[in-house]
Amino acid sequence: MATTASGSSKDAPTNPRGIPFAPFVDKVEDYVTSRAEVEGTLKSFQEMISKYQFMEVNTQRRAAGLKDKIPDIQKTLDTVQFMKTRKPGSDPIETTFELNDTLYAKAQIPPTEEVYLWLGANVMLSYPIPEAETLLDQKLKTAQQSLANCEEDQDFLREQITTLEVATARVYNWDVAQRRKEKNEFEESQAAAKSD
């Protein structure tokens, strides 16, 4: 019966992103029928806890990356929306822009119908302003949704880790109680044998 605790069933319930629910141990007897199965069950619970902790660390890293990226996307979107309001024939605006972490340059920006967006991996593309605005708006919404999913997954993973820690404690305590029971029965049988 200890194999049912592994949670490897394909039709096991999961959260919306496919992370499986941890088994809830209400009655230890549903997971172990004898003390011989305790070690295997505890080991499978520990493996599951390790997997959830690994997923939690990765989700935290992903959320941190999104928290860094979202303000940049928002700032770029705001700039594109400002550029969209500029009318042809307007005076150029003077601005300071970042070349590197500590290097800035001044520039005169005339009204324009296109912007260049840095896409990453040494790729920059020219977009008409309405397309750039749409693209950035979609990227922002996607990043915000991904961050919300990460935060939801972090809560879910913490819950599953706690559930497994409680399950581990219940199985361990059941094992201790069974040992005491067996020891008491052995001592009683020894006492009964001596009195005969």
N, C-alpha and C. Protein backbone atom coordinates (compact mmCIF):
# COMPACT_ATOMS: atom_id res chain seq x y z
N MET A 1 0.80 -1.20 0.00
CA MET A 1 0.00 0.00 0.00
C MET A 1 0.84 1.26 0.00
N ALA A 2 2.09 1.15 0.36
CA ALA A 2 2.94 2.34 0.43
C ALA A 2 3.12 2.98 -0.93
N THR A 3 2.92 2.26 -2.02
CA THR A 3 3.09 2.84 -3.35
C THR A 3 2.02 3.86 -3.66
N THR A 4 0.85 3.79 -3.02
CA THR A 4 -0.18 4.79 -3.29
C THR A 4 0.20 6.15 -2.73
N ALA A 5 1.14 6.18 -1.81
CA ALA A 5 1.55 7.45 -1.22
C ALA A 5 2.48 8.23 -2.12
N SER A 6 3.01 7.61 -3.17
CA SER A 6 3.98 8.30 -4.03
C SER A 6 3.36 9.39 -4.87
N GLY A 7 2.03 9.36 -5.08
CA GLY A 7 1.37 10.41 -5.83
C GLY A 7 1.70 10.39 -7.31
N SER A 8 2.11 9.23 -7.85
CA SER A 8 2.53 9.19 -9.24
C SER A 8 1.39 8.83 -10.19
N SER A 9 0.19 8.74 -9.70
CA SER A 9 -0.95 8.39 -10.55
C SER A 9 -1.21 9.49 -11.55
N LYS A 10 -1.52 9.12 -12.80
CA LYS A 10 -1.73 10.11 -13.86
C LYS A 10 -3.02 10.90 -13.66
N ASP A 11 -3.99 10.31 -12.96
CA ASP A 11 -5.25 11.03 -12.76
C ASP A 11 -5.34 11.63 -11.36
N ALA A 12 -4.20 11.82 -10.71
CA ALA A 12 -4.18 12.46 -9.40
C ALA A 12 -4.56 13.93 -9.56
N PRO A 13 -5.27 14.49 -8.59
CA PRO A 13 -5.66 15.91 -8.69
C PRO A 13 -4.44 16.82 -8.66
N THR A 14 -4.51 17.90 -9.45
CA THR A 14 -3.41 18.86 -9.53
C THR A 14 -3.97 20.27 -9.45
N ASN A 15 -3.07 21.23 -9.26
CA ASN A 15 -3.48 22.64 -9.33
C ASN A 15 -3.55 23.03 -10.81
N PRO A 16 -3.96 24.25 -11.15
CA PRO A 16 -4.10 24.62 -12.57
C PRO A 16 -2.82 24.50 -13.40
N ARG A 17 -1.65 24.54 -12.79
CA ARG A 17 -0.41 24.40 -13.54
C ARG A 17 0.18 23.01 -13.46
N GLY A 18 -0.60 22.04 -13.00
CA GLY A 18 -0.19 20.65 -13.05
C GLY A 18 0.63 20.16 -11.87
N ILE A 19 0.73 20.93 -10.80
CA ILE A 19 1.45 20.48 -9.62
C ILE A 19 0.50 19.59 -8.82
N PRO A 20 0.91 18.35 -8.53
CA PRO A 20 -0.01 17.44 -7.84
C PRO A 20 -0.21 17.81 -6.37
N PHE A 21 -1.40 17.47 -5.88
CA PHE A 21 -1.69 17.64 -4.46
C PHE A 21 -0.95 16.57 -3.68
N ALA A 22 -0.51 16.92 -2.49
CA ALA A 22 0.14 15.96 -1.59
C ALA A 22 -0.96 15.10 -0.96
N PRO A 23 -0.66 13.84 -0.70
CA PRO A 23 -1.67 13.00 -0.05
C PRO A 23 -1.91 13.46 1.39
N PHE A 24 -3.16 13.51 1.77
CA PHE A 24 -3.51 13.89 3.13
C PHE A 24 -3.72 12.60 3.92
N VAL A 25 -2.97 12.43 4.99
CA VAL A 25 -3.06 11.21 5.79
C VAL A 25 -3.98 11.47 6.97
N ASP A 26 -5.22 11.00 6.82
CA ASP A 26 -6.17 11.10 7.90
C ASP A 26 -6.03 9.87 8.80
N LYS A 27 -6.02 8.71 8.16
CA LYS A 27 -5.83 7.45 8.89
C LYS A 27 -4.55 6.81 8.38
N VAL A 28 -3.59 6.63 9.25
CA VAL A 28 -2.30 6.06 8.85
C VAL A 28 -2.49 4.67 8.26
N GLU A 29 -3.48 3.94 8.76
CA GLU A 29 -3.72 2.58 8.29
C GLU A 29 -4.06 2.53 6.79
N ASP A 30 -4.50 3.66 6.23
CA ASP A 30 -4.76 3.72 4.79
C ASP A 30 -3.46 3.69 3.98
N TYR A 31 -2.33 4.06 4.61
CA TYR A 31 -1.05 4.13 3.91
C TYR A 31 -0.10 3.00 4.30
N VAL A 32 -0.19 2.56 5.51
CA VAL A 32 0.68 1.46 5.95
C VAL A 32 -0.17 0.43 6.70
N THR A 33 0.06 -0.83 6.38
CA THR A 33 -0.68 -1.89 7.06
C THR A 33 0.18 -2.60 8.09
N SER A 34 1.50 -2.42 7.98
CA SER A 34 2.40 -3.03 8.95
C SER A 34 3.61 -2.11 9.14
N ARG A 35 4.38 -2.40 10.17
CA ARG A 35 5.56 -1.58 10.43
C ARG A 35 6.60 -1.72 9.33
N ALA A 36 6.55 -2.82 8.59
CA ALA A 36 7.52 -3.03 7.51
C ALA A 36 7.37 -1.99 6.40
N GLU A 37 6.18 -1.44 6.24
CA GLU A 37 5.93 -0.45 5.18
C GLU A 37 6.25 0.98 5.61
N VAL A 38 6.50 1.19 6.90
CA VAL A 38 6.71 2.55 7.42
C VAL A 38 7.91 3.21 6.78
N GLU A 39 9.03 2.52 6.72
CA GLU A 39 10.26 3.13 6.19
C GLU A 39 10.07 3.57 4.73
N GLY A 40 9.48 2.72 3.92
CA GLY A 40 9.24 3.07 2.51
C GLY A 40 8.29 4.25 2.36
N THR A 41 7.26 4.28 3.19
CA THR A 41 6.30 5.39 3.14
C THR A 41 6.97 6.70 3.56
N LEU A 42 7.74 6.65 4.65
CA LEU A 42 8.44 7.86 5.10
C LEU A 42 9.42 8.35 4.04
N LYS A 43 10.10 7.40 3.39
CA LYS A 43 11.06 7.76 2.34
C LYS A 43 10.34 8.42 1.16
N SER A 44 9.19 7.86 0.76
CA SER A 44 8.46 8.46 -0.37
C SER A 44 7.94 9.85 -0.01
N PHE A 45 7.50 10.03 1.26
CA PHE A 45 7.07 11.37 1.70
C PHE A 45 8.24 12.35 1.65
N GLN A 46 9.43 11.92 2.09
CA GLN A 46 10.60 12.80 2.07
C GLN A 46 10.99 13.17 0.63
N GLU A 47 10.88 12.20 -0.29
CA GLU A 47 11.17 12.49 -1.70
C GLU A 47 10.19 13.52 -2.24
N MET A 48 8.92 13.35 -1.88
CA MET A 48 7.91 14.31 -2.35
C MET A 48 8.16 15.70 -1.77
N ILE A 49 8.55 15.77 -0.49
CA ILE A 49 8.86 17.06 0.13
C ILE A 49 10.02 17.71 -0.62
N SER A 50 11.04 16.92 -0.94
CA SER A 50 12.21 17.46 -1.67
C SER A 50 11.78 18.00 -3.03
N LYS A 51 10.91 17.30 -3.72
CA LYS A 51 10.43 17.76 -5.03
C LYS A 51 9.65 19.06 -4.90
N TYR A 52 8.77 19.13 -3.90
CA TYR A 52 8.01 20.36 -3.68
C TYR A 52 8.94 21.52 -3.33
N GLN A 53 9.97 21.27 -2.50
CA GLN A 53 10.91 22.32 -2.15
C GLN A 53 11.70 22.80 -3.36
N PHE A 54 12.07 21.87 -4.24
CA PHE A 54 12.77 22.23 -5.48
C PHE A 54 11.87 23.12 -6.34
N MET A 55 10.60 22.71 -6.48
CA MET A 55 9.66 23.51 -7.27
C MET A 55 9.45 24.89 -6.63
N GLU A 56 9.43 24.93 -5.31
CA GLU A 56 9.23 26.20 -4.61
C GLU A 56 10.39 27.16 -4.88
N VAL A 57 11.62 26.65 -4.82
CA VAL A 57 12.80 27.49 -5.08
C VAL A 57 12.76 28.02 -6.51
N ASN A 58 12.44 27.15 -7.48
CA ASN A 58 12.36 27.59 -8.88
C ASN A 58 11.26 28.62 -9.08
N THR A 59 10.13 28.42 -8.42
CA THR A 59 9.01 29.37 -8.54
C THR A 59 9.39 30.71 -7.92
N GLN A 60 10.12 30.69 -6.81
CA GLN A 60 10.57 31.94 -6.19
C GLN A 60 11.52 32.69 -7.11
N ARG A 61 12.43 31.96 -7.76
CA ARG A 61 13.37 32.60 -8.70
C ARG A 61 12.62 33.22 -9.87
N ARG A 62 11.66 32.47 -10.38
CA ARG A 62 10.88 32.97 -11.52
C ARG A 62 10.10 34.23 -11.12
N ALA A 63 9.50 34.20 -9.94
CA ALA A 63 8.74 35.36 -9.46
C ALA A 63 9.66 36.57 -9.28
N ALA A 64 10.86 36.34 -8.75
CA ALA A 64 11.81 37.45 -8.57
C ALA A 64 12.20 38.05 -9.93
N GLY A 65 12.42 37.19 -10.93
CA GLY A 65 12.73 37.68 -12.27
C GLY A 65 11.59 38.50 -12.85
N LEU A 66 10.37 38.04 -12.65
CA LEU A 66 9.20 38.78 -13.15
C LEU A 66 9.04 40.11 -12.42
N LYS A 67 9.31 40.13 -11.12
CA LYS A 67 9.21 41.38 -10.36
C LYS A 67 10.22 42.41 -10.85
N ASP A 68 11.37 41.93 -11.34
CA ASP A 68 12.36 42.84 -11.92
C ASP A 68 11.95 43.30 -13.31
N LYS A 69 11.33 42.40 -14.08
CA LYS A 69 11.01 42.67 -15.47
C LYS A 69 9.76 43.56 -15.63
N ILE A 70 8.77 43.40 -14.79
CA ILE A 70 7.50 44.13 -14.95
C ILE A 70 7.69 45.65 -14.92
N PRO A 71 8.45 46.22 -13.98
CA PRO A 71 8.63 47.69 -14.02
C PRO A 71 9.31 48.17 -15.31
N ASP A 72 10.25 47.37 -15.84
CA ASP A 72 10.91 47.75 -17.10
C ASP A 72 9.91 47.76 -18.25
N ILE A 73 9.07 46.74 -18.32
CA ILE A 73 8.06 46.67 -19.38
C ILE A 73 7.11 47.85 -19.25
N GLN A 74 6.67 48.14 -18.01
CA GLN A 74 5.74 49.24 -17.77
C GLN A 74 6.37 50.58 -18.18
N LYS A 75 7.64 50.77 -17.83
CA LYS A 75 8.34 52.02 -18.17
C LYS A 75 8.44 52.17 -19.69
N THR A 76 8.76 51.07 -20.37
CA THR A 76 8.86 51.11 -21.83
C THR A 76 7.50 51.41 -22.45
N LEU A 77 6.45 50.76 -21.93
CA LEU A 77 5.09 51.00 -22.43
C LEU A 77 4.70 52.47 -22.23
N ASP A 78 5.00 53.01 -21.05
CA ASP A 78 4.69 54.42 -20.79
C ASP A 78 5.41 55.34 -21.78
N THR A 79 6.66 55.02 -22.09
CA THR A 79 7.44 55.82 -23.03
C THR A 79 6.83 55.75 -24.43
N VAL A 80 6.44 54.54 -24.86
CA VAL A 80 5.83 54.38 -26.18
C VAL A 80 4.50 55.14 -26.24
N GLN A 81 3.73 55.09 -25.15
CA GLN A 81 2.46 55.83 -25.13
C GLN A 81 2.70 57.33 -25.18
N PHE A 82 3.78 57.79 -24.53
CA PHE A 82 4.13 59.21 -24.61
C PHE A 82 4.52 59.57 -26.04
N MET A 83 5.32 58.71 -26.67
CA MET A 83 5.74 58.96 -28.06
C MET A 83 4.53 59.01 -29.00
N LYS A 84 3.53 58.25 -28.69
CA LYS A 84 2.31 58.20 -29.51
C LYS A 84 1.57 59.54 -29.47
N THR A 85 1.66 60.27 -28.35
CA THR A 85 0.95 61.54 -28.21
C THR A 85 1.64 62.68 -28.96
N ARG A 86 2.89 62.47 -29.34
CA ARG A 86 3.65 63.52 -30.03
C ARG A 86 3.12 63.70 -31.45
N LYS A 87 2.87 64.91 -31.83
CA LYS A 87 2.33 65.24 -33.16
C LYS A 87 3.48 65.55 -34.12
N PRO A 88 3.31 65.19 -35.42
CA PRO A 88 4.33 65.56 -36.40
C PRO A 88 4.50 67.09 -36.43
N GLY A 89 5.72 67.52 -36.54
CA GLY A 89 6.02 68.96 -36.57
C GLY A 89 6.29 69.54 -35.20
N SER A 90 6.12 68.77 -34.15
CA SER A 90 6.42 69.25 -32.78
C SER A 90 7.94 69.40 -32.63
N ASP A 91 8.31 70.21 -31.68
CA ASP A 91 9.73 70.36 -31.39
C ASP A 91 10.28 69.04 -30.84
N PRO A 92 11.53 68.72 -31.17
CA PRO A 92 12.12 67.50 -30.59
C PRO A 92 12.27 67.66 -29.08
N ILE A 93 12.19 66.55 -28.38
CA ILE A 93 12.39 66.59 -26.94
C ILE A 93 13.80 66.13 -26.62
N GLU A 94 14.37 66.76 -25.59
CA GLU A 94 15.71 66.36 -25.18
C GLU A 94 15.55 65.39 -24.01
N THR A 95 16.27 64.30 -24.09
CA THR A 95 16.16 63.28 -23.04
C THR A 95 17.53 62.69 -22.75
N THR A 96 17.62 62.06 -21.61
CA THR A 96 18.82 61.32 -21.22
C THR A 96 18.43 59.86 -21.20
N PHE A 97 19.21 59.04 -21.86
CA PHE A 97 18.88 57.61 -21.85
C PHE A 97 20.10 56.79 -21.45
N GLU A 98 19.82 55.61 -20.94
CA GLU A 98 20.86 54.75 -20.39
C GLU A 98 21.51 53.92 -21.49
N LEU A 99 22.83 54.01 -21.57
CA LEU A 99 23.59 53.17 -22.49
C LEU A 99 24.06 51.91 -21.78
N ASN A 100 24.43 52.10 -20.53
CA ASN A 100 24.93 51.00 -19.71
C ASN A 100 24.53 51.32 -18.27
N ASP A 101 24.90 50.46 -17.34
CA ASP A 101 24.51 50.69 -15.94
C ASP A 101 24.93 52.06 -15.41
N THR A 102 26.08 52.53 -15.80
CA THR A 102 26.56 53.81 -15.28
C THR A 102 26.84 54.83 -16.38
N LEU A 103 26.40 54.55 -17.60
CA LEU A 103 26.69 55.42 -18.72
C LEU A 103 25.40 55.91 -19.36
N TYR A 104 25.25 57.25 -19.42
CA TYR A 104 24.05 57.86 -19.98
C TYR A 104 24.44 58.81 -21.10
N ALA A 105 23.49 59.04 -22.01
CA ALA A 105 23.74 59.97 -23.11
C ALA A 105 22.51 60.86 -23.29
N LYS A 106 22.75 62.06 -23.81
CA LYS A 106 21.63 62.96 -24.11
C LYS A 106 21.29 62.81 -25.58
N ALA A 107 20.01 62.98 -25.88
CA ALA A 107 19.57 62.86 -27.27
C ALA A 107 18.40 63.79 -27.52
N GLN A 108 18.27 64.19 -28.77
CA GLN A 108 17.12 64.96 -29.25
C GLN A 108 16.22 63.98 -30.00
N ILE A 109 14.99 63.86 -29.56
CA ILE A 109 14.08 62.90 -30.20
C ILE A 109 12.96 63.67 -30.90
N PRO A 110 12.97 63.62 -32.23
CA PRO A 110 11.89 64.28 -32.97
C PRO A 110 10.64 63.38 -32.93
N PRO A 111 9.48 63.93 -33.25
CA PRO A 111 8.29 63.07 -33.35
C PRO A 111 8.55 61.96 -34.37
N THR A 112 8.09 60.79 -34.06
CA THR A 112 8.37 59.65 -34.92
C THR A 112 7.17 58.72 -35.00
N GLU A 113 7.16 57.89 -36.01
CA GLU A 113 6.08 56.91 -36.18
C GLU A 113 6.52 55.50 -35.82
N GLU A 114 7.81 55.34 -35.46
CA GLU A 114 8.29 54.01 -35.10
C GLU A 114 9.25 54.08 -33.92
N VAL A 115 9.34 52.96 -33.24
CA VAL A 115 10.27 52.84 -32.11
C VAL A 115 11.03 51.53 -32.26
N TYR A 116 12.16 51.47 -31.62
CA TYR A 116 12.97 50.26 -31.62
C TYR A 116 12.87 49.61 -30.25
N LEU A 117 12.50 48.35 -30.24
CA LEU A 117 12.36 47.63 -28.98
C LEU A 117 13.44 46.56 -28.87
N TRP A 118 14.05 46.53 -27.72
CA TRP A 118 15.06 45.52 -27.42
C TRP A 118 14.33 44.26 -27.01
N LEU A 119 14.50 43.18 -27.77
CA LEU A 119 13.79 41.93 -27.49
C LEU A 119 14.64 40.95 -26.69
N GLY A 120 15.90 41.24 -26.53
CA GLY A 120 16.80 40.34 -25.81
C GLY A 120 17.60 39.52 -26.79
N ALA A 121 18.56 38.77 -26.28
CA ALA A 121 19.43 37.92 -27.11
C ALA A 121 20.06 38.73 -28.25
N ASN A 122 20.47 39.96 -27.95
CA ASN A 122 21.09 40.86 -28.93
C ASN A 122 20.21 41.13 -30.14
N VAL A 123 18.90 41.23 -29.91
CA VAL A 123 17.95 41.49 -31.00
C VAL A 123 17.16 42.75 -30.67
N MET A 124 17.14 43.67 -31.63
CA MET A 124 16.34 44.88 -31.52
C MET A 124 15.56 45.02 -32.82
N LEU A 125 14.25 45.29 -32.71
CA LEU A 125 13.42 45.42 -33.89
C LEU A 125 12.69 46.75 -33.91
N SER A 126 12.43 47.21 -35.11
CA SER A 126 11.68 48.44 -35.32
C SER A 126 10.19 48.09 -35.40
N TYR A 127 9.36 48.83 -34.67
CA TYR A 127 7.91 48.62 -34.68
C TYR A 127 7.22 49.95 -34.90
N PRO A 128 6.13 49.96 -35.65
CA PRO A 128 5.28 51.15 -35.66
C PRO A 128 4.75 51.35 -34.23
N ILE A 129 4.53 52.57 -33.83
CA ILE A 129 4.15 52.85 -32.44
C ILE A 129 2.90 52.07 -32.01
N PRO A 130 1.83 52.00 -32.82
CA PRO A 130 0.66 51.23 -32.35
C PRO A 130 0.98 49.74 -32.12
N GLU A 131 1.79 49.15 -32.99
CA GLU A 131 2.17 47.75 -32.82
C GLU A 131 3.04 47.57 -31.58
N ALA A 132 3.94 48.50 -31.36
CA ALA A 132 4.81 48.43 -30.18
C ALA A 132 3.97 48.53 -28.91
N GLU A 133 2.99 49.42 -28.92
CA GLU A 133 2.12 49.57 -27.75
C GLU A 133 1.35 48.28 -27.49
N THR A 134 0.81 47.68 -28.54
CA THR A 134 0.06 46.42 -28.40
C THR A 134 0.96 45.31 -27.88
N LEU A 135 2.15 45.20 -28.46
CA LEU A 135 3.10 44.17 -28.05
C LEU A 135 3.48 44.33 -26.58
N LEU A 136 3.82 45.55 -26.18
CA LEU A 136 4.22 45.79 -24.80
C LEU A 136 3.07 45.58 -23.82
N ASP A 137 1.87 45.98 -24.24
CA ASP A 137 0.70 45.77 -23.39
C ASP A 137 0.47 44.28 -23.16
N GLN A 138 0.60 43.48 -24.24
CA GLN A 138 0.44 42.03 -24.11
C GLN A 138 1.54 41.43 -23.23
N LYS A 139 2.78 41.88 -23.44
CA LYS A 139 3.89 41.38 -22.61
C LYS A 139 3.68 41.72 -21.14
N LEU A 140 3.19 42.92 -20.87
CA LEU A 140 2.95 43.33 -19.49
C LEU A 140 1.86 42.48 -18.85
N LYS A 141 0.76 42.28 -19.57
CA LYS A 141 -0.33 41.46 -19.03
C LYS A 141 0.12 40.02 -18.81
N THR A 142 0.90 39.49 -19.74
CA THR A 142 1.41 38.12 -19.60
C THR A 142 2.33 38.01 -18.39
N ALA A 143 3.21 38.98 -18.23
CA ALA A 143 4.14 38.96 -17.10
C ALA A 143 3.40 39.09 -15.77
N GLN A 144 2.39 39.96 -15.73
CA GLN A 144 1.60 40.12 -14.49
C GLN A 144 0.84 38.85 -14.16
N GLN A 145 0.28 38.19 -15.20
CA GLN A 145 -0.44 36.93 -14.98
C GLN A 145 0.53 35.84 -14.51
N SER A 146 1.70 35.80 -15.12
CA SER A 146 2.71 34.82 -14.71
C SER A 146 3.14 35.04 -13.26
N LEU A 147 3.29 36.30 -12.86
CA LEU A 147 3.65 36.61 -11.48
C LEU A 147 2.53 36.16 -10.53
N ALA A 148 1.29 36.43 -10.90
CA ALA A 148 0.17 35.99 -10.05
C ALA A 148 0.15 34.47 -9.93
N ASN A 149 0.42 33.78 -11.05
CA ASN A 149 0.48 32.31 -11.02
C ASN A 149 1.62 31.82 -10.13
N CYS A 150 2.77 32.49 -10.21
CA CYS A 150 3.91 32.11 -9.37
C CYS A 150 3.57 32.27 -7.89
N GLU A 151 2.94 33.38 -7.55
CA GLU A 151 2.59 33.62 -6.15
C GLU A 151 1.57 32.60 -5.67
N GLU A 152 0.61 32.26 -6.54
CA GLU A 152 -0.39 31.24 -6.20
C GLU A 152 0.30 29.87 -6.03
N ASP A 153 1.23 29.55 -6.91
CA ASP A 153 1.95 28.28 -6.83
C ASP A 153 2.81 28.22 -5.57
N GLN A 154 3.42 29.33 -5.18
CA GLN A 154 4.24 29.35 -3.96
C GLN A 154 3.38 29.01 -2.75
N ASP A 155 2.19 29.63 -2.68
CA ASP A 155 1.28 29.32 -1.56
C ASP A 155 0.87 27.85 -1.61
N PHE A 156 0.55 27.36 -2.80
CA PHE A 156 0.14 25.97 -2.97
C PHE A 156 1.26 25.02 -2.54
N LEU A 157 2.48 25.31 -2.96
CA LEU A 157 3.62 24.44 -2.63
C LEU A 157 3.90 24.44 -1.12
N ARG A 158 3.80 25.60 -0.49
CA ARG A 158 4.00 25.66 0.97
C ARG A 158 2.96 24.80 1.67
N GLU A 159 1.71 24.87 1.18
CA GLU A 159 0.63 24.07 1.73
C GLU A 159 0.92 22.57 1.59
N GLN A 160 1.41 22.17 0.42
CA GLN A 160 1.68 20.75 0.17
C GLN A 160 2.85 20.26 1.03
N ILE A 161 3.85 21.10 1.20
CA ILE A 161 4.99 20.73 2.06
C ILE A 161 4.51 20.53 3.50
N THR A 162 3.68 21.44 3.98
CA THR A 162 3.14 21.32 5.34
C THR A 162 2.31 20.05 5.47
N THR A 163 1.47 19.76 4.47
CA THR A 163 0.65 18.56 4.49
C THR A 163 1.52 17.31 4.59
N LEU A 164 2.59 17.27 3.81
CA LEU A 164 3.48 16.11 3.84
C LEU A 164 4.26 16.02 5.15
N GLU A 165 4.64 17.16 5.71
CA GLU A 165 5.33 17.14 7.00
C GLU A 165 4.41 16.58 8.08
N VAL A 166 3.13 16.97 8.04
CA VAL A 166 2.15 16.43 8.99
C VAL A 166 1.96 14.93 8.75
N ALA A 167 1.88 14.53 7.48
CA ALA A 167 1.72 13.11 7.15
C ALA A 167 2.91 12.30 7.65
N THR A 168 4.11 12.86 7.47
CA THR A 168 5.33 12.18 7.94
C THR A 168 5.27 12.01 9.46
N ALA A 169 4.88 13.06 10.17
CA ALA A 169 4.79 12.99 11.63
C ALA A 169 3.75 11.95 12.06
N ARG A 170 2.62 11.90 11.37
CA ARG A 170 1.58 10.93 11.73
C ARG A 170 2.06 9.49 11.53
N VAL A 171 2.70 9.23 10.40
CA VAL A 171 3.20 7.88 10.14
C VAL A 171 4.28 7.52 11.15
N TYR A 172 5.17 8.46 11.44
CA TYR A 172 6.24 8.20 12.41
C TYR A 172 5.66 7.93 13.80
N ASN A 173 4.71 8.76 14.21
CA ASN A 173 4.08 8.56 15.53
C ASN A 173 3.33 7.24 15.58
N TRP A 174 2.68 6.86 14.49
CA TRP A 174 1.99 5.56 14.43
C TRP A 174 3.00 4.44 14.61
N ASP A 175 4.16 4.56 13.97
CA ASP A 175 5.21 3.55 14.09
C ASP A 175 5.70 3.45 15.54
N VAL A 176 5.90 4.59 16.19
CA VAL A 176 6.34 4.59 17.59
C VAL A 176 5.29 3.92 18.47
N ALA A 177 4.03 4.23 18.24
CA ALA A 177 2.95 3.62 19.03
C ALA A 177 2.91 2.11 18.80
N GLN A 178 3.13 1.68 17.55
CA GLN A 178 3.13 0.24 17.26
C GLN A 178 4.30 -0.45 17.95
N ARG A 179 5.45 0.20 17.99
CA ARG A 179 6.61 -0.38 18.69
C ARG A 179 6.33 -0.54 20.18
N ARG A 180 5.75 0.50 20.78
CA ARG A 180 5.41 0.43 22.21
C ARG A 180 4.42 -0.70 22.45
N LYS A 181 3.42 -0.79 21.59
CA LYS A 181 2.40 -1.82 21.73
C LYS A 181 3.04 -3.21 21.64
N GLU A 182 3.91 -3.39 20.65
CA GLU A 182 4.59 -4.69 20.50
C GLU A 182 5.49 -4.97 21.70
N LYS A 183 6.18 -3.94 22.20
CA LYS A 183 7.06 -4.12 23.35
C LYS A 183 6.25 -4.51 24.58
N ASN A 184 5.12 -3.82 24.79
CA ASN A 184 4.26 -4.14 25.94
C ASN A 184 3.71 -5.56 25.82
N GLU A 185 3.27 -5.95 24.61
CA GLU A 185 2.76 -7.31 24.41
C GLU A 185 3.84 -8.34 24.67
N PHE A 186 5.08 -8.04 24.22
CA PHE A 186 6.20 -8.96 24.44
C PHE A 186 6.49 -9.09 25.93
N GLU A 187 6.52 -7.94 26.64
CA GLU A 187 6.79 -7.96 28.07
C GLU A 187 5.70 -8.71 28.83
N GLU A 188 4.43 -8.50 28.42
CA GLU A 188 3.32 -9.21 29.07
C GLU A 188 3.42 -10.71 28.82
N SER A 189 3.79 -11.11 27.61
CA SER A 189 3.92 -12.54 27.32
C SER A 189 5.10 -13.14 28.09
N GLN A 190 6.18 -12.37 28.26
CA GLN A 190 7.33 -12.83 29.04
C GLN A 190 6.93 -12.99 30.51
N ALA A 191 6.17 -12.01 31.02
CA ALA A 191 5.74 -12.06 32.43
C ALA A 191 4.79 -13.25 32.64
N ALA A 192 3.91 -13.49 31.67
CA ALA A 192 2.96 -14.60 31.76
C ALA A 192 3.72 -15.94 31.69
N ALA A 193 4.77 -16.01 30.88
CA ALA A 193 5.56 -17.24 30.76
C ALA A 193 6.32 -17.51 32.03
N LYS A 194 6.81 -16.47 32.72
CA LYS A 194 7.55 -16.66 33.97
C LYS A 194 6.62 -17.10 35.10
N SER A 195 5.40 -16.59 35.09
CA SER A 195 4.47 -16.93 36.17
C SER A 195 3.92 -18.37 36.03
N ASP A 196 4.05 -18.98 34.84
CA ASP A 196 3.56 -20.36 34.65
C ASP A 196 4.51 -21.34 35.13
